[in-house]
Amino acid sequence: MSERHNGIIELNESSFSSEVLDAEEPVLVGFLAGWSESSRMIAPLLESVAHERAGEVKVTAVNFDEHEGLARHYGVRAVPTLLIFNRGSVWHQIAGCITSRELHSMLDLFA
């Protein structure tokens, strides 16, 4: 079972497929790490998107350190990295910080 924290679904290897790959709606996946200042900076943006776009885009997070296999599978080498999935495939990848405006503009392409 996936946990929710501030509107963000926390993923692991067992929940990734059902929450992301099988999702009907676009899914934003944030690969984050607690030790990363940039991850801590982007977390409020993800929370905001989760609330503002509820029902339109699913917002999820993966702990980079705890789920290295997922990170490796999707070529994530730095945190934060955001992946936008649509119909089970990665449609866009963003490494590093991003502004709210840039993220919403990208999500508008999929939602």
C-alpha atoms as a PDB file:
ATOM      1  CA  MET A   1       0.000   0.000   0.000  1.00  0.00           C
ATOM      2  CA  SER A   2       1.300   3.451  -0.877  1.00  0.00           C
ATOM      3  CA  GLU A   3       1.492   6.176   1.745  1.00  0.00           C
ATOM      4  CA  ARG A   4       0.393   9.756   1.180  1.00  0.00           C
ATOM      5  CA  HIS A   5       2.239  12.713   2.624  1.00  0.00           C
ATOM      6  CA  ASN A   6       0.928  16.234   1.912  1.00  0.00           C
ATOM      7  CA  GLY A   7      -0.902  14.946  -1.164  1.00  0.00           C
ATOM      8  CA  ILE A   8       2.157  13.140  -2.538  1.00  0.00           C
ATOM      9  CA  ILE A   9       2.064   9.371  -2.917  1.00  0.00           C
ATOM     10  CA  GLU A  10       5.272   7.808  -1.617  1.00  0.00           C
ATOM     11  CA  LEU A  11       6.368   4.956  -3.878  1.00  0.00           C
ATOM     12  CA  ASN A  12       8.517   1.861  -3.552  1.00  0.00           C
ATOM     13  CA  GLU A  13       9.402  -0.971  -5.929  1.00  0.00           C
ATOM     14  CA  SER A  14       6.186  -2.871  -5.241  1.00  0.00           C
ATOM     15  CA  SER A  15       3.813   0.086  -5.654  1.00  0.00           C
ATOM     16  CA  PHE A  16       5.520   1.758  -8.621  1.00  0.00           C
ATOM     17  CA  SER A  17       3.847  -0.313 -11.317  1.00  0.00           C
ATOM     18  CA  SER A  18       0.281   0.078 -10.058  1.00  0.00           C
ATOM     19  CA  GLU A  19       0.612   3.760  -9.122  1.00  0.00           C
ATOM     20  CA  VAL A  20       2.620   4.927 -12.160  1.00  0.00           C
ATOM     21  CA  LEU A  21       2.732   2.485 -15.064  1.00  0.00           C
ATOM     22  CA  ASP A  22      -0.938   1.452 -14.810  1.00  0.00           C
ATOM     23  CA  ALA A  23      -2.268   4.968 -14.068  1.00  0.00           C
ATOM     24  CA  GLU A  24      -4.982   6.469 -16.259  1.00  0.00           C
ATOM     25  CA  GLU A  25      -3.830  10.037 -15.601  1.00  0.00           C
ATOM     26  CA  PRO A  26      -0.380  11.572 -16.133  1.00  0.00           C
ATOM     27  CA  VAL A  27       1.978  10.916 -13.211  1.00  0.00           C
ATOM     28  CA  LEU A  28       4.720  13.187 -11.919  1.00  0.00           C
ATOM     29  CA  VAL A  29       7.422  11.145 -10.177  1.00  0.00           C
ATOM     30  CA  GLY A  30       9.970  12.989  -8.057  1.00  0.00           C
ATOM     31  CA  PHE A  31      13.190  11.159  -7.214  1.00  0.00           C
ATOM     32  CA  LEU A  32      14.299  12.897  -4.029  1.00  0.00           C
ATOM     33  CA  ALA A  33      16.756  12.440  -1.156  1.00  0.00           C
ATOM     34  CA  GLY A  34      16.557  13.795   2.371  1.00  0.00           C
ATOM     35  CA  TRP A  35      20.207  14.885   2.355  1.00  0.00           C
ATOM     36  CA  SER A  36      19.726  16.971  -0.804  1.00  0.00           C
ATOM     37  CA  GLU A  37      19.111  20.687  -0.306  1.00  0.00           C
ATOM     38  CA  SER A  38      17.628  20.863  -3.828  1.00  0.00           C
ATOM     39  CA  SER A  39      15.208  18.030  -3.002  1.00  0.00           C
ATOM     40  CA  ARG A  40      14.075  19.894   0.111  1.00  0.00           C
ATOM     41  CA  MET A  41      13.605  23.038  -1.979  1.00  0.00           C
ATOM     42  CA  ILE A  42      11.441  21.321  -4.608  1.00  0.00           C
ATOM     43  CA  ALA A  43       9.265  19.381  -2.141  1.00  0.00           C
ATOM     44  CA  PRO A  44       6.874  22.325  -1.493  1.00  0.00           C
ATOM     45  CA  LEU A  45       6.410  22.722  -5.254  1.00  0.00           C
ATOM     46  CA  LEU A  46       5.414  19.049  -5.549  1.00  0.00           C
ATOM     47  CA  GLU A  47       2.984  19.455  -2.640  1.00  0.00           C
ATOM     48  CA  SER A  48       1.471  22.503  -4.328  1.00  0.00           C
ATOM     49  CA  VAL A  49       1.055  20.669  -7.638  1.00  0.00           C
ATOM     50  CA  ALA A  50      -0.513  17.696  -5.822  1.00  0.00           C
ATOM     51  CA  HIS A  51      -3.194  19.963  -4.347  1.00  0.00           C
ATOM     52  CA  GLU A  52      -3.718  22.308  -7.304  1.00  0.00           C
ATOM     53  CA  ARG A  53      -3.948  19.542  -9.898  1.00  0.00           C
ATOM     54  CA  ALA A  54      -5.648  16.811  -7.862  1.00  0.00           C
ATOM     55  CA  GLY A  55      -7.637  14.535 -10.169  1.00  0.00           C
ATOM     56  CA  GLU A  56      -5.704  15.799 -13.173  1.00  0.00           C
ATOM     57  CA  VAL A  57      -2.107  14.729 -12.415  1.00  0.00           C
ATOM     58  CA  LYS A  58      -0.957  12.191  -9.847  1.00  0.00           C
ATOM     59  CA  VAL A  59       2.064  13.413  -7.870  1.00  0.00           C
ATOM     60  CA  THR A  60       4.403  10.798  -6.426  1.00  0.00           C
ATOM     61  CA  ALA A  61       7.842  10.585  -4.860  1.00  0.00           C
ATOM     62  CA  VAL A  62      10.585   7.968  -4.673  1.00  0.00           C
ATOM     63  CA  ASN A  63      13.301   8.024  -2.032  1.00  0.00           C
ATOM     64  CA  PHE A  64      16.424   7.888  -4.187  1.00  0.00           C
ATOM     65  CA  ASP A  65      18.572   6.246  -1.502  1.00  0.00           C
ATOM     66  CA  GLU A  66      16.053   3.595  -0.477  1.00  0.00           C
ATOM     67  CA  HIS A  67      15.013   2.612  -4.005  1.00  0.00           C
ATOM     68  CA  GLU A  68      18.225   2.697  -6.028  1.00  0.00           C
ATOM     69  CA  GLY A  69      16.899  -0.003  -8.364  1.00  0.00           C
ATOM     70  CA  LEU A  70      14.094   2.255  -9.592  1.00  0.00           C
ATOM     71  CA  ALA A  71      16.479   5.155  -9.986  1.00  0.00           C
ATOM     72  CA  ARG A  72      18.914   3.028 -11.957  1.00  0.00           C
ATOM     73  CA  HIS A  73      16.138   1.585 -14.142  1.00  0.00           C
ATOM     74  CA  TYR A  74      15.016   5.068 -15.192  1.00  0.00           C
ATOM     75  CA  GLY A  75      18.518   6.507 -15.543  1.00  0.00           C
ATOM     76  CA  VAL A  76      18.203   8.843 -12.570  1.00  0.00           C
ATOM     77  CA  ARG A  77      21.683   9.875 -11.466  1.00  0.00           C
ATOM     78  CA  ALA A  78      21.017  13.096  -9.569  1.00  0.00           C
ATOM     79  CA  VAL A  79      18.405  14.474  -7.228  1.00  0.00           C
ATOM     80  CA  PRO A  80      16.017  15.981  -7.614  1.00  0.00           C
ATOM     81  CA  THR A  81      14.929  14.438 -10.876  1.00  0.00           C
ATOM     82  CA  LEU A  82      11.324  14.657 -12.022  1.00  0.00           C
ATOM     83  CA  LEU A  83       9.842  12.241 -14.542  1.00  0.00           C
ATOM     84  CA  ILE A  84       6.476  12.786 -16.193  1.00  0.00           C
ATOM     85  CA  PHE A  85       4.792   9.533 -17.157  1.00  0.00           C
ATOM     86  CA  ASN A  86       1.876   9.314 -19.535  1.00  0.00           C
ATOM     87  CA  ARG A  87       0.225   5.974 -20.264  1.00  0.00           C
ATOM     88  CA  GLY A  88       3.057   4.053 -18.617  1.00  0.00           C
ATOM     89  CA  SER A  89       5.944   5.692 -20.467  1.00  0.00           C
ATOM     90  CA  VAL A  90       8.334   8.488 -19.559  1.00  0.00           C
ATOM     91  CA  TRP A  91       7.409  11.513 -21.641  1.00  0.00           C
ATOM     92  CA  HIS A  92       9.662  14.070 -20.039  1.00  0.00           C
ATOM     93  CA  GLN A  93      12.560  14.236 -17.589  1.00  0.00           C
ATOM     94  CA  ILE A  94      13.741  17.247 -15.593  1.00  0.00           C
ATOM     95  CA  ALA A  95      16.973  17.098 -13.586  1.00  0.00           C
ATOM     96  CA  GLY A  96      17.559  19.742 -10.939  1.00  0.00           C
ATOM     97  CA  CYS A  97      15.311  22.526  -9.708  1.00  0.00           C
ATOM     98  CA  ILE A  98      12.502  23.977 -11.742  1.00  0.00           C
ATOM     99  CA  THR A  99      10.146  26.892 -11.213  1.00  0.00           C
ATOM    100  CA  SER A 100       6.459  26.451 -10.550  1.00  0.00           C
ATOM    101  CA  ARG A 101       5.627  28.159 -13.837  1.00  0.00           C
ATOM    102  CA  GLU A 102       7.926  25.836 -15.839  1.00  0.00           C
ATOM    103  CA  LEU A 103       6.521  22.725 -14.188  1.00  0.00           C
ATOM    104  CA  HIS A 104       2.895  23.758 -14.719  1.00  0.00           C
ATOM    105  CA  SER A 105       3.635  24.576 -18.363  1.00  0.00           C
ATOM    106  CA  MET A 106       5.055  21.097 -18.902  1.00  0.00           C
ATOM    107  CA  LEU A 107       2.155  19.429 -17.111  1.00  0.00           C
ATOM    108  CA  ASP A 108      -0.281  21.378 -19.293  1.00  0.00           C
ATOM    109  CA  LEU A 109       1.028  19.367 -22.245  1.00  0.00           C
ATOM    110  CA  PHE A 110      -0.146  16.115 -20.679  1.00  0.00           C
ATOM    111  CA  ALA A 111      -3.202  16.924 -18.588  1.00  0.00           C
END
